[in-house]
């Protein structure tokens, strides 16, 4: 399989689950023991607005490689017919781009790079 040919929204679909697992693991390891609090804290990482903000911060810090930026731009420009009611289309596309790069790295089996990005995200 050529990972570069995988649909951006499919990459985001995979990346969403991988990303959320890292977030859940991080929050549980941080000592939160109540599901309600875990859910509330997770919104700082998994909501579309949070993911869009995180993507912008990572781009501003220039943490992405050129190859990763190509995937991010491709995902941001992908045609979509819908988006959640609680966010605008631009925010949704930026959030999808963050998920897509995680999915891309997962398909490439580049777990080290995913962990590197997640460490940067959790340090903010």
PDB file of N, CA and C in Angstrom:
ATOM      1  N   UNK A   1       0.839  -1.185   0.000  1.00  0.00           N
ATOM      2  CA  UNK A   1       0.000   0.000   0.000  1.00  0.00           C
ATOM      3  C   UNK A   1       0.881   1.244   0.000  1.00  0.00           C
ATOM      4  N   UNK A   2       0.574   2.173  -0.875  1.00  0.00           N
ATOM      5  CA  UNK A   2       1.264   3.450  -0.910  1.00  0.00           C
ATOM      6  C   UNK A   2       0.504   4.423  -0.018  1.00  0.00           C
ATOM      7  N   UNK A   3       1.095   4.752   1.109  1.00  0.00           N
ATOM      8  CA  UNK A   3       0.443   5.603   2.103  1.00  0.00           C
ATOM      9  C   UNK A   3       0.117   6.979   1.532  1.00  0.00           C
ATOM     10  N   UNK A   4       0.921   7.448   0.597  1.00  0.00           N
ATOM     11  CA  UNK A   4       0.680   8.762   0.000  1.00  0.00           C
ATOM     12  C   UNK A   4      -0.597   8.798  -0.828  1.00  0.00           C
ATOM     13  N   UNK A   5      -1.091   7.640  -1.231  1.00  0.00           N
ATOM     14  CA  UNK A   5      -2.298   7.580  -2.048  1.00  0.00           C
ATOM     15  C   UNK A   5      -3.570   7.367  -1.233  1.00  0.00           C
ATOM     16  N   UNK A   6      -3.432   7.194   0.077  1.00  0.00           N
ATOM     17  CA  UNK A   6      -4.607   6.973   0.927  1.00  0.00           C
ATOM     18  C   UNK A   6      -5.368   8.288   1.066  1.00  0.00           C
ATOM     19  N   UNK A   7      -6.674   8.215   0.931  1.00  0.00           N
ATOM     20  CA  UNK A   7      -7.543   9.378   1.066  1.00  0.00           C
ATOM     21  C   UNK A   7      -7.280  10.088   2.397  1.00  0.00           C
ATOM     22  N   UNK A   8      -7.198  11.398   2.368  1.00  0.00           N
ATOM     23  CA  UNK A   8      -6.917  12.194   3.567  1.00  0.00           C
ATOM     24  C   UNK A   8      -7.934  11.966   4.677  1.00  0.00           C
ATOM     25  N   UNK A   9      -9.186  11.798   4.302  1.00  0.00           N
ATOM     26  CA  UNK A   9     -10.217  11.584   5.315  1.00  0.00           C
ATOM     27  C   UNK A   9     -10.103  10.202   5.935  1.00  0.00           C
ATOM     28  N   UNK A  10      -9.582   9.248   5.183  1.00  0.00           N
ATOM     29  CA  UNK A  10      -9.313   7.918   5.734  1.00  0.00           C
ATOM     30  C   UNK A  10      -8.144   8.003   6.714  1.00  0.00           C
ATOM     31  N   UNK A  11      -7.119   8.765   6.364  1.00  0.00           N
ATOM     32  CA  UNK A  11      -6.009   8.993   7.297  1.00  0.00           C
ATOM     33  C   UNK A  11      -6.515   9.624   8.590  1.00  0.00           C
ATOM     34  N   UNK A  12      -7.406  10.597   8.451  1.00  0.00           N
ATOM     35  CA  UNK A  12      -7.964  11.269   9.632  1.00  0.00           C
ATOM     36  C   UNK A  12      -8.802  10.303  10.470  1.00  0.00           C
ATOM     37  N   UNK A  13      -9.525   9.422   9.809  1.00  0.00           N
ATOM     38  CA  UNK A  13     -10.339   8.422  10.507  1.00  0.00           C
ATOM     39  C   UNK A  13      -9.455   7.564  11.409  1.00  0.00           C
ATOM     40  N   UNK A  14      -8.340   7.102  10.863  1.00  0.00           N
ATOM     41  CA  UNK A  14      -7.401   6.309  11.649  1.00  0.00           C
ATOM     42  C   UNK A  14      -6.728   7.175  12.711  1.00  0.00           C
ATOM     43  N   UNK A  15      -6.278   8.339  12.292  1.00  0.00           N
ATOM     44  CA  UNK A  15      -5.566   9.235  13.207  1.00  0.00           C
ATOM     45  C   UNK A  15      -6.401   9.647  14.404  1.00  0.00           C
ATOM     46  N   UNK A  16      -7.703   9.806  14.199  1.00  0.00           N
ATOM     47  CA  UNK A  16      -8.591  10.174  15.292  1.00  0.00           C
ATOM     48  C   UNK A  16      -8.524   9.156  16.421  1.00  0.00           C
ATOM     49  N   UNK A  17      -8.579   7.885  16.088  1.00  0.00           N
ATOM     50  CA  UNK A  17      -8.565   6.858  17.128  1.00  0.00           C
ATOM     51  C   UNK A  17      -7.196   6.751  17.794  1.00  0.00           C
ATOM     52  N   UNK A  18      -6.133   6.843  17.011  1.00  0.00           N
ATOM     53  CA  UNK A  18      -4.778   6.772  17.568  1.00  0.00           C
ATOM     54  C   UNK A  18      -4.547   7.953  18.506  1.00  0.00           C
ATOM     55  N   UNK A  19      -4.893   9.150  18.043  1.00  0.00           N
ATOM     56  CA  UNK A  19      -4.716  10.371  18.822  1.00  0.00           C
ATOM     57  C   UNK A  19      -5.490  10.287  20.133  1.00  0.00           C
ATOM     58  N   UNK A  20      -6.748   9.861  20.049  1.00  0.00           N
ATOM     59  CA  UNK A  20      -7.569   9.796  21.256  1.00  0.00           C
ATOM     60  C   UNK A  20      -7.012   8.783  22.255  1.00  0.00           C
ATOM     61  N   UNK A  21      -6.470   7.680  21.780  1.00  0.00           N
ATOM     62  CA  UNK A  21      -5.854   6.718  22.692  1.00  0.00           C
ATOM     63  C   UNK A  21      -4.654   7.305  23.422  1.00  0.00           C
ATOM     64  N   UNK A  22      -3.826   8.085  22.717  1.00  0.00           N
ATOM     65  CA  UNK A  22      -2.697   8.740  23.371  1.00  0.00           C
ATOM     66  C   UNK A  22      -3.190   9.736  24.426  1.00  0.00           C
ATOM     67  N   UNK A  23      -4.233  10.478  24.094  1.00  0.00           N
ATOM     68  CA  UNK A  23      -4.778  11.456  25.039  1.00  0.00           C
ATOM     69  C   UNK A  23      -5.324  10.751  26.276  1.00  0.00           C
ATOM     70  N   UNK A  24      -6.091   9.708  26.075  1.00  0.00           N
ATOM     71  CA  UNK A  24      -6.658   8.971  27.217  1.00  0.00           C
ATOM     72  C   UNK A  24      -5.556   8.400  28.097  1.00  0.00           C
ATOM     73  N   UNK A  25      -4.562   7.805  27.474  1.00  0.00           N
ATOM     74  CA  UNK A  25      -3.435   7.241  28.213  1.00  0.00           C
ATOM     75  C   UNK A  25      -2.736   8.332  29.032  1.00  0.00           C
ATOM     76  N   UNK A  26      -2.476   9.465  28.406  1.00  0.00           N
ATOM     77  CA  UNK A  26      -1.814  10.585  29.073  1.00  0.00           C
ATOM     78  C   UNK A  26      -2.622  11.080  30.274  1.00  0.00           C
ATOM     79  N   UNK A  27      -3.917  11.264  30.086  1.00  0.00           N
ATOM     80  CA  UNK A  27      -4.751  11.780  31.172  1.00  0.00           C
ATOM     81  C   UNK A  27      -4.851  10.801  32.330  1.00  0.00           C
ATOM     82  N   UNK A  28      -4.983   9.523  32.038  1.00  0.00           N
ATOM     83  CA  UNK A  28      -5.055   8.527  33.110  1.00  0.00           C
ATOM     84  C   UNK A  28      -3.729   8.468  33.866  1.00  0.00           C
ATOM     85  N   UNK A  29      -2.623   8.499  33.125  1.00  0.00           N
ATOM     86  CA  UNK A  29      -1.305   8.472  33.771  1.00  0.00           C
ATOM     87  C   UNK A  29      -1.023   9.752  34.564  1.00  0.00           C
ATOM     88  N   UNK A  30      -1.742  10.833  34.245  1.00  0.00           N
ATOM     89  CA  UNK A  30      -1.551  12.086  34.994  1.00  0.00           C
ATOM     90  C   UNK A  30      -2.234  12.033  36.361  1.00  0.00           C
ATOM     91  N   UNK A  31      -2.968  10.956  36.626  1.00  0.00           N
ATOM     92  CA  UNK A  31      -3.546  10.765  37.947  1.00  0.00           C
ATOM     93  C   UNK A  31      -5.028  11.068  38.066  1.00  0.00           C
ATOM     94  N   UNK A  32      -5.672  11.359  36.983  1.00  0.00           N
ATOM     95  CA  UNK A  32      -7.113  11.623  37.035  1.00  0.00           C
ATOM     96  C   UNK A  32      -7.831  10.290  37.191  1.00  0.00           C
ATOM     97  N   UNK A  33      -8.691  10.204  38.207  1.00  0.00           N
ATOM     98  CA  UNK A  33      -9.348   8.935  38.519  1.00  0.00           C
ATOM     99  C   UNK A  33     -10.856   8.956  38.375  1.00  0.00           C
ATOM    100  N   UNK A  34     -11.403  10.013  37.856  1.00  0.00           N
ATOM    101  CA  UNK A  34     -12.852  10.105  37.688  1.00  0.00           C
ATOM    102  C   UNK A  34     -13.180  10.287  36.206  1.00  0.00           C
ATOM    103  N   UNK A  35     -14.118   9.483  35.729  1.00  0.00           N
ATOM    104  CA  UNK A  35     -14.459   9.492  34.308  1.00  0.00           C
ATOM    105  C   UNK A  35     -14.943  10.865  33.863  1.00  0.00           C
ATOM    106  N   UNK A  36     -15.757  11.519  34.678  1.00  0.00           N
ATOM    107  CA  UNK A  36     -16.268  12.847  34.308  1.00  0.00           C
ATOM    108  C   UNK A  36     -15.118  13.833  34.124  1.00  0.00           C
ATOM    109  N   UNK A  37     -14.162  13.798  35.019  1.00  0.00           N
ATOM    110  CA  UNK A  37     -13.011  14.696  34.916  1.00  0.00           C
ATOM    111  C   UNK A  37     -12.136  14.323  33.714  1.00  0.00           C
ATOM    112  N   UNK A  38     -11.986  13.030  33.456  1.00  0.00           N
ATOM    113  CA  UNK A  38     -11.237  12.596  32.269  1.00  0.00           C
ATOM    114  C   UNK A  38     -11.890  13.137  31.004  1.00  0.00           C
ATOM    115  N   UNK A  39     -13.216  13.026  30.952  1.00  0.00           N
ATOM    116  CA  UNK A  39     -13.961  13.509  29.787  1.00  0.00           C
ATOM    117  C   UNK A  39     -13.783  15.011  29.599  1.00  0.00           C
ATOM    118  N   UNK A  40     -13.880  15.753  30.696  1.00  0.00           N
ATOM    119  CA  UNK A  40     -13.740  17.209  30.629  1.00  0.00           C
ATOM    120  C   UNK A  40     -12.329  17.605  30.199  1.00  0.00           C
ATOM    121  N   UNK A  41     -11.326  16.965  30.782  1.00  0.00           N
ATOM    122  CA  UNK A  41      -9.937  17.287  30.434  1.00  0.00           C
ATOM    123  C   UNK A  41      -9.606  16.892  28.997  1.00  0.00           C
ATOM    124  N   UNK A  42     -10.213  15.820  28.528  1.00  0.00           N
ATOM    125  CA  UNK A  42      -9.915  15.366  27.170  1.00  0.00           C
ATOM    126  C   UNK A  42     -10.317  16.401  26.128  1.00  0.00           C
ATOM    127  N   UNK A  43     -11.316  17.214  26.455  1.00  0.00           N
ATOM    128  CA  UNK A  43     -11.759  18.247  25.502  1.00  0.00           C
ATOM    129  C   UNK A  43     -10.658  19.262  25.194  1.00  0.00           C
ATOM    130  N   UNK A  44      -9.675  19.386  26.090  1.00  0.00           N
ATOM    131  CA  UNK A  44      -8.538  20.269  25.833  1.00  0.00           C
ATOM    132  C   UNK A  44      -7.659  19.745  24.696  1.00  0.00           C
ATOM    133  N   UNK A  45      -7.887  18.489  24.306  1.00  0.00           N
ATOM    134  CA  UNK A  45      -7.082  17.867  23.266  1.00  0.00           C
ATOM    135  C   UNK A  45      -7.891  17.356  22.082  1.00  0.00           C
ATOM    136  N   UNK A  46      -9.117  16.882  22.311  1.00  0.00           N
ATOM    137  CA  UNK A  46      -9.823  16.155  21.252  1.00  0.00           C
ATOM    138  C   UNK A  46     -10.963  16.921  20.591  1.00  0.00           C
ATOM    139  N   UNK A  47     -11.331  18.072  21.075  1.00  0.00           N
ATOM    140  CA  UNK A  47     -12.377  18.833  20.377  1.00  0.00           C
ATOM    141  C   UNK A  47     -11.787  19.433  19.105  1.00  0.00           C
ATOM    142  N   UNK A  48     -12.627  19.707  18.149  1.00  0.00           N
ATOM    143  CA  UNK A  48     -12.152  20.296  16.885  1.00  0.00           C
ATOM    144  C   UNK A  48     -11.421  21.615  17.135  1.00  0.00           C
ATOM    145  N   UNK A  49     -11.958  22.433  18.025  1.00  0.00           N
ATOM    146  CA  UNK A  49     -11.309  23.723  18.321  1.00  0.00           C
ATOM    147  C   UNK A  49      -9.935  23.520  18.926  1.00  0.00           C
ATOM    148  N   UNK A  50      -9.826  22.564  19.835  1.00  0.00           N
ATOM    149  CA  UNK A  50      -8.525  22.283  20.454  1.00  0.00           C
ATOM    150  C   UNK A  50      -7.536  21.726  19.441  1.00  0.00           C
ATOM    151  N   UNK A  51      -7.998  20.810  18.606  1.00  0.00           N
ATOM    152  CA  UNK A  51      -7.107  20.234  17.609  1.00  0.00           C
ATOM    153  C   UNK A  51      -6.647  21.275  16.592  1.00  0.00           C
ATOM    154  N   UNK A  52      -7.524  22.168  16.212  1.00  0.00           N
ATOM    155  CA  UNK A  52      -7.142  23.237  15.282  1.00  0.00           C
ATOM    156  C   UNK A  52      -6.099  24.150  15.922  1.00  0.00           C
ATOM    157  N   UNK A  53      -6.299  24.481  17.190  1.00  0.00           N
ATOM    158  CA  UNK A  53      -5.342  25.319  17.921  1.00  0.00           C
ATOM    159  C   UNK A  53      -3.992  24.612  18.022  1.00  0.00           C
ATOM    160  N   UNK A  54      -4.020  23.340  18.371  1.00  0.00           N
ATOM    161  CA  UNK A  54      -2.786  22.565  18.500  1.00  0.00           C
ATOM    162  C   UNK A  54      -2.048  22.504  17.167  1.00  0.00           C
ATOM    163  N   UNK A  55      -2.768  22.263  16.084  1.00  0.00           N
ATOM    164  CA  UNK A  55      -2.132  22.217  14.767  1.00  0.00           C
ATOM    165  C   UNK A  55      -1.432  23.538  14.458  1.00  0.00           C
ATOM    166  N   UNK A  56      -2.111  24.635  14.694  1.00  0.00           N
ATOM    167  CA  UNK A  56      -1.518  25.960  14.425  1.00  0.00           C
ATOM    168  C   UNK A  56      -0.261  26.166  15.251  1.00  0.00           C
ATOM    169  N   UNK A  57      -0.304  25.759  16.526  1.00  0.00           N
ATOM    170  CA  UNK A  57       0.877  25.905  17.384  1.00  0.00           C
ATOM    171  C   UNK A  57       2.049  25.077  16.868  1.00  0.00           C
ATOM    172  N   UNK A  58       1.759  23.858  16.451  1.00  0.00           N
ATOM    173  CA  UNK A  58       2.824  23.001  15.931  1.00  0.00           C
ATOM    174  C   UNK A  58       3.408  23.550  14.628  1.00  0.00           C
ATOM    175  N   UNK A  59       2.547  24.079  13.778  1.00  0.00           N
ATOM    176  CA  UNK A  59       3.034  24.691  12.535  1.00  0.00           C
ATOM    177  C   UNK A  59       3.889  25.912  12.857  1.00  0.00           C
ATOM    178  N   UNK A  60       3.441  26.732  13.786  1.00  0.00           N
ATOM    179  CA  UNK A  60       4.208  27.923  14.172  1.00  0.00           C
ATOM    180  C   UNK A  60       5.566  27.566  14.773  1.00  0.00           C
ATOM    181  N   UNK A  61       5.623  26.443  15.477  1.00  0.00           N
ATOM    182  CA  UNK A  61       6.882  25.983  16.072  1.00  0.00           C
ATOM    183  C   UNK A  61       7.753  25.251  15.054  1.00  0.00           C
ATOM    184  N   UNK A  62       7.247  25.086  13.866  1.00  0.00           N
ATOM    185  CA  UNK A  62       7.958  24.425  12.759  1.00  0.00           C
ATOM    186  C   UNK A  62       8.425  23.018  13.132  1.00  0.00           C
ATOM    187  N   UNK A  63       7.522  22.236  13.736  1.00  0.00           N
ATOM    188  CA  UNK A  63       7.882  20.878  14.145  1.00  0.00           C
ATOM    189  C   UNK A  63       7.651  19.846  13.043  1.00  0.00           C
ATOM    190  N   UNK A  64       6.909  20.207  12.011  1.00  0.00           N
ATOM    191  CA  UNK A  64       6.591  19.258  10.951  1.00  0.00           C
ATOM    192  C   UNK A  64       7.658  19.256   9.864  1.00  0.00           C
ATOM    193  N   UNK A  65       7.885  18.085   9.304  1.00  0.00           N
ATOM    194  CA  UNK A  65       8.778  17.968   8.154  1.00  0.00           C
ATOM    195  C   UNK A  65       8.026  18.453   6.915  1.00  0.00           C
ATOM    196  N   UNK A  66       8.752  18.633   5.832  1.00  0.00           N
ATOM    197  CA  UNK A  66       8.112  19.018   4.568  1.00  0.00           C
ATOM    198  C   UNK A  66       7.107  17.950   4.126  1.00  0.00           C
ATOM    199  N   UNK A  67       7.484  16.696   4.270  1.00  0.00           N
ATOM    200  CA  UNK A  67       6.596  15.595   3.901  1.00  0.00           C
ATOM    201  C   UNK A  67       5.306  15.647   4.720  1.00  0.00           C
ATOM    202  N   UNK A  68       5.428  15.903   6.010  1.00  0.00           N
ATOM    203  CA  UNK A  68       4.250  15.988   6.880  1.00  0.00           C
ATOM    204  C   UNK A  68       3.379  17.178   6.518  1.00  0.00           C
ATOM    205  N   UNK A  69       4.002  18.298   6.170  1.00  0.00           N
ATOM    206  CA  UNK A  69       3.238  19.483   5.774  1.00  0.00           C
ATOM    207  C   UNK A  69       2.428  19.228   4.510  1.00  0.00           C
ATOM    208  N   UNK A  70       2.963  18.424   3.603  1.00  0.00           N
ATOM    209  CA  UNK A  70       2.215  18.069   2.391  1.00  0.00           C
ATOM    210  C   UNK A  70       0.945  17.317   2.769  1.00  0.00           C
ATOM    211  N   UNK A  71       1.059  16.372   3.685  1.00  0.00           N
ATOM    212  CA  UNK A  71      -0.106  15.605   4.132  1.00  0.00           C
ATOM    213  C   UNK A  71      -1.105  16.521   4.830  1.00  0.00           C
ATOM    214  N   UNK A  72      -0.616  17.413   5.658  1.00  0.00           N
ATOM    215  CA  UNK A  72      -1.483  18.347   6.379  1.00  0.00           C
ATOM    216  C   UNK A  72      -2.247  19.233   5.402  1.00  0.00           C
ATOM    217  N   UNK A  73      -1.548  19.780   4.427  1.00  0.00           N
ATOM    218  CA  UNK A  73      -2.200  20.650   3.439  1.00  0.00           C
ATOM    219  C   UNK A  73      -3.207  19.879   2.597  1.00  0.00           C
ATOM    220  N   UNK A  74      -2.840  18.664   2.232  1.00  0.00           N
ATOM    221  CA  UNK A  74      -3.756  17.834   1.447  1.00  0.00           C
ATOM    222  C   UNK A  74      -5.029  17.542   2.239  1.00  0.00           C
ATOM    223  N   UNK A  75      -4.883  17.245   3.514  1.00  0.00           N
ATOM    224  CA  UNK A  75      -6.051  16.962   4.358  1.00  0.00           C
ATOM    225  C   UNK A  75      -6.895  18.215   4.555  1.00  0.00           C
ATOM    226  N   UNK A  76      -6.240  19.340   4.733  1.00  0.00           N
ATOM    227  CA  UNK A  76      -6.971  20.596   4.944  1.00  0.00           C
ATOM    228  C   UNK A  76      -7.761  20.976   3.702  1.00  0.00           C
ATOM    229  N   UNK A  77      -7.255  20.619   2.537  1.00  0.00           N
ATOM    230  CA  UNK A  77      -7.914  20.971   1.283  1.00  0.00           C
ATOM    231  C   UNK A  77      -8.860  19.893   0.764  1.00  0.00           C
ATOM    232  N   UNK A  78      -8.959  18.790   1.489  1.00  0.00           N
ATOM    233  CA  UNK A  78      -9.824  17.690   1.041  1.00  0.00           C
ATOM    234  C   UNK A  78     -11.280  18.133   1.021  1.00  0.00           C
ATOM    235  N   UNK A  79     -11.971  17.702  -0.016  1.00  0.00           N
ATOM    236  CA  UNK A  79     -13.384  18.045  -0.145  1.00  0.00           C
ATOM    237  C   UNK A  79     -14.195  17.189   0.817  1.00  0.00           C
ATOM    238  N   UNK A  80     -15.036  17.854   1.573  1.00  0.00           N
ATOM    239  CA  UNK A  80     -15.914  17.165   2.512  1.00  0.00           C
ATOM    240  C   UNK A  80     -17.319  17.730   2.378  1.00  0.00           C
ATOM    241  N   UNK A  81     -18.288  16.884   2.565  1.00  0.00           N
ATOM    242  CA  UNK A  81     -19.671  17.315   2.402  1.00  0.00           C
ATOM    243  C   UNK A  81     -20.336  17.719   3.712  1.00  0.00           C
ATOM    244  N   UNK A  82     -19.674  17.474   4.817  1.00  0.00           N
ATOM    245  CA  UNK A  82     -20.304  17.796   6.096  1.00  0.00           C
ATOM    246  C   UNK A  82     -19.254  18.160   7.130  1.00  0.00           C
ATOM    247  N   UNK A  83     -19.724  18.747   8.207  1.00  0.00           N
ATOM    248  CA  UNK A  83     -18.877  19.022   9.364  1.00  0.00           C
ATOM    249  C   UNK A  83     -19.785  19.122  10.579  1.00  0.00           C
ATOM    250  N   UNK A  84     -19.222  18.961  11.778  1.00  0.00           N
ATOM    251  CA  UNK A  84     -20.050  19.018  12.981  1.00  0.00           C
ATOM    252  C   UNK A  84     -20.759  20.360  13.124  1.00  0.00           C
ATOM    253  N   UNK A  85     -21.904  20.330  13.748  1.00  0.00           N
ATOM    254  CA  UNK A  85     -22.694  21.554  13.928  1.00  0.00           C
ATOM    255  C   UNK A  85     -22.035  22.552  14.867  1.00  0.00           C
ATOM    256  N   UNK A  86     -21.210  22.047  15.784  1.00  0.00           N
ATOM    257  CA  UNK A  86     -20.652  22.931  16.802  1.00  0.00           C
ATOM    258  C   UNK A  86     -19.347  23.619  16.399  1.00  0.00           C
ATOM    259  N   UNK A  87     -18.956  23.496  15.135  1.00  0.00           N
ATOM    260  CA  UNK A  87     -17.734  24.169  14.690  1.00  0.00           C
ATOM    261  C   UNK A  87     -17.858  24.568  13.220  1.00  0.00           C
ATOM    262  N   UNK A  88     -17.068  25.537  12.831  1.00  0.00           N
ATOM    263  CA  UNK A  88     -17.100  25.980  11.442  1.00  0.00           C
ATOM    264  C   UNK A  88     -16.222  25.069  10.585  1.00  0.00           C
ATOM    265  N   UNK A  89     -16.389  25.171   9.288  1.00  0.00           N
ATOM    266  CA  UNK A  89     -15.717  24.265   8.351  1.00  0.00           C
ATOM    267  C   UNK A  89     -14.196  24.422   8.389  1.00  0.00           C
ATOM    268  N   UNK A  90     -13.702  25.624   8.580  1.00  0.00           N
ATOM    269  CA  UNK A  90     -12.250  25.836   8.610  1.00  0.00           C
ATOM    270  C   UNK A  90     -11.629  25.162   9.831  1.00  0.00           C
ATOM    271  N   UNK A  91     -12.256  25.344  10.978  1.00  0.00           N
ATOM    272  CA  UNK A  91     -11.770  24.701  12.201  1.00  0.00           C
ATOM    273  C   UNK A  91     -11.812  23.189  12.050  1.00  0.00           C
ATOM    274  N   UNK A  92     -12.895  22.691  11.488  1.00  0.00           N
ATOM    275  CA  UNK A  92     -13.044  21.253  11.270  1.00  0.00           C
ATOM    276  C   UNK A  92     -11.929  20.714  10.360  1.00  0.00           C
ATOM    277  N   UNK A  93     -11.619  21.431   9.293  1.00  0.00           N
ATOM    278  CA  UNK A  93     -10.585  20.978   8.360  1.00  0.00           C
ATOM    279  C   UNK A  93      -9.200  21.004   9.003  1.00  0.00           C
ATOM    280  N   UNK A  94      -8.955  21.995   9.856  1.00  0.00           N
ATOM    281  CA  UNK A  94      -7.672  22.043  10.554  1.00  0.00           C
ATOM    282  C   UNK A  94      -7.551  20.886  11.539  1.00  0.00           C
ATOM    283  N   UNK A  95      -8.646  20.592  12.261  1.00  0.00           N
ATOM    284  CA  UNK A  95      -8.645  19.455  13.185  1.00  0.00           C
ATOM    285  C   UNK A  95      -8.435  18.156  12.423  1.00  0.00           C
ATOM    286  N   UNK A  96      -9.094  18.027  11.291  1.00  0.00           N
ATOM    287  CA  UNK A  96      -8.950  16.843  10.453  1.00  0.00           C
ATOM    288  C   UNK A  96      -7.511  16.690   9.973  1.00  0.00           C
ATOM    289  N   UNK A  97      -6.844  17.792   9.711  1.00  0.00           N
ATOM    290  CA  UNK A  97      -5.452  17.753   9.262  1.00  0.00           C
ATOM    291  C   UNK A  97      -4.532  17.188  10.335  1.00  0.00           C
ATOM    292  N   UNK A  98      -4.781  17.562  11.593  1.00  0.00           N
ATOM    293  CA  UNK A  98      -3.974  17.005  12.682  1.00  0.00           C
ATOM    294  C   UNK A  98      -4.206  15.498  12.784  1.00  0.00           C
ATOM    295  N   UNK A  99      -5.447  15.080  12.705  1.00  0.00           N
ATOM    296  CA  UNK A  99      -5.759  13.652  12.756  1.00  0.00           C
ATOM    297  C   UNK A  99      -5.140  12.921  11.566  1.00  0.00           C
ATOM    298  N   UNK A 100      -5.150  13.543  10.402  1.00  0.00           N
ATOM    299  CA  UNK A 100      -4.609  12.911   9.197  1.00  0.00           C
ATOM    300  C   UNK A 100      -3.112  12.662   9.321  1.00  0.00           C
ATOM    301  N   UNK A 101      -2.380  13.595   9.884  1.00  0.00           N
ATOM    302  CA  UNK A 101      -0.930  13.380   9.996  1.00  0.00           C
ATOM    303  C   UNK A 101      -0.639  12.250  10.981  1.00  0.00           C
ATOM    304  N   UNK A 102      -1.439  12.141  12.026  1.00  0.00           N
ATOM    305  CA  UNK A 102      -1.268  11.034  12.970  1.00  0.00           C
ATOM    306  C   UNK A 102      -1.589   9.705  12.267  1.00  0.00           C
ATOM    307  N   UNK A 103      -2.669   9.686  11.494  1.00  0.00           N
ATOM    308  CA  UNK A 103      -3.027   8.482  10.746  1.00  0.00           C
ATOM    309  C   UNK A 103      -1.965   8.103   9.732  1.00  0.00           C
ATOM    310  N   UNK A 104      -1.417   9.101   9.064  1.00  0.00           N
ATOM    311  CA  UNK A 104      -0.357   8.878   8.085  1.00  0.00           C
ATOM    312  C   UNK A 104       0.862   8.229   8.750  1.00  0.00           C
ATOM    313  N   UNK A 105       1.250   8.786   9.874  1.00  0.00           N
ATOM    314  CA  UNK A 105       2.408   8.251  10.586  1.00  0.00           C
ATOM    315  C   UNK A 105       2.135   6.839  11.104  1.00  0.00           C
ATOM    316  N   UNK A 106       0.921   6.585  11.521  1.00  0.00           N
ATOM    317  CA  UNK A 106       0.548   5.250  11.986  1.00  0.00           C
ATOM    318  C   UNK A 106       0.636   4.241  10.838  1.00  0.00           C
ATOM    319  N   UNK A 107       0.113   4.594   9.681  1.00  0.00           N
ATOM    320  CA  UNK A 107       0.194   3.684   8.532  1.00  0.00           C
ATOM    321  C   UNK A 107       1.641   3.441   8.091  1.00  0.00           C
ATOM    322  N   UNK A 108       2.482   4.429   8.298  1.00  0.00           N
ATOM    323  CA  UNK A 108       3.902   4.263   7.982  1.00  0.00           C
ATOM    324  C   UNK A 108       4.635   3.526   9.096  1.00  0.00           C
ATOM    325  N   UNK A 109       3.900   3.218  10.155  1.00  0.00           N
ATOM    326  CA  UNK A 109       4.447   2.546  11.337  1.00  0.00           C
ATOM    327  C   UNK A 109       5.558   3.366  11.985  1.00  0.00           C
ATOM    328  N   UNK A 110       5.406   4.690  11.934  1.00  0.00           N
ATOM    329  CA  UNK A 110       6.386   5.595  12.526  1.00  0.00           C
ATOM    330  C   UNK A 110       5.889   6.017  13.919  1.00  0.00           C
ATOM    331  N   UNK A 111       5.857   5.060  14.818  1.00  0.00           N
ATOM    332  CA  UNK A 111       5.348   5.283  16.167  1.00  0.00           C
ATOM    333  C   UNK A 111       6.233   6.263  16.926  1.00  0.00           C
ATOM    334  N   UNK A 112       7.521   6.205  16.681  1.00  0.00           N
ATOM    335  CA  UNK A 112       8.456   7.118  17.348  1.00  0.00           C
ATOM    336  C   UNK A 112       8.098   8.572  17.043  1.00  0.00           C
ATOM    337  N   UNK A 113       7.747   8.856  15.795  1.00  0.00           N
ATOM    338  CA  UNK A 113       7.388  10.224  15.401  1.00  0.00           C
ATOM    339  C   UNK A 113       6.046  10.635  16.008  1.00  0.00           C
ATOM    340  N   UNK A 114       5.100   9.701  16.064  1.00  0.00           N
ATOM    341  CA  UNK A 114       3.816  10.010  16.716  1.00  0.00           C
ATOM    342  C   UNK A 114       4.071  10.375  18.173  1.00  0.00           C
ATOM    343  N   UNK A 115       4.882   9.593  18.844  1.00  0.00           N
ATOM    344  CA  UNK A 115       5.166   9.856  20.258  1.00  0.00           C
ATOM    345  C   UNK A 115       5.889  11.178  20.442  1.00  0.00           C
ATOM    346  N   UNK A 116       6.767  11.506  19.528  1.00  0.00           N
ATOM    347  CA  UNK A 116       7.466  12.790  19.571  1.00  0.00           C
ATOM    348  C   UNK A 116       6.466  13.956  19.461  1.00  0.00           C
ATOM    349  N   UNK A 117       5.545  13.858  18.499  1.00  0.00           N
ATOM    350  CA  UNK A 117       4.530  14.904  18.335  1.00  0.00           C
ATOM    351  C   UNK A 117       3.616  14.979  19.556  1.00  0.00           C
ATOM    352  N   UNK A 118       3.220  13.829  20.071  1.00  0.00           N
ATOM    353  CA  UNK A 118       2.326  13.825  21.228  1.00  0.00           C
ATOM    354  C   UNK A 118       3.022  14.419  22.447  1.00  0.00           C
ATOM    355  N   UNK A 119       4.309  14.163  22.623  1.00  0.00           N
ATOM    356  CA  UNK A 119       5.056  14.769  23.725  1.00  0.00           C
ATOM    357  C   UNK A 119       5.040  16.292  23.617  1.00  0.00           C
ATOM    358  N   UNK A 120       5.209  16.795  22.414  1.00  0.00           N
ATOM    359  CA  UNK A 120       5.165  18.249  22.198  1.00  0.00           C
ATOM    360  C   UNK A 120       3.767  18.783  22.527  1.00  0.00           C
ATOM    361  N   UNK A 121       2.745  18.067  22.083  1.00  0.00           N
ATOM    362  CA  UNK A 121       1.368  18.488  22.341  1.00  0.00           C
ATOM    363  C   UNK A 121       1.104  18.528  23.839  1.00  0.00           C
ATOM    364  N   UNK A 122       1.544  17.513  24.572  1.00  0.00           N
ATOM    365  CA  UNK A 122       1.264  17.441  26.003  1.00  0.00           C
ATOM    366  C   UNK A 122       2.104  18.437  26.807  1.00  0.00           C
ATOM    367  N   UNK A 123       3.181  18.932  26.252  1.00  0.00           N
ATOM    368  CA  UNK A 123       4.013  19.920  26.947  1.00  0.00           C
ATOM    369  C   UNK A 123       3.399  21.310  26.920  1.00  0.00           C
ATOM    370  N   UNK A 124       2.473  21.556  26.002  1.00  0.00           N
ATOM    371  CA  UNK A 124       1.874  22.896  25.871  1.00  0.00           C
ATOM    372  C   UNK A 124       0.864  23.153  26.949  1.00  0.00           C
TER     373      UNK A 124
END
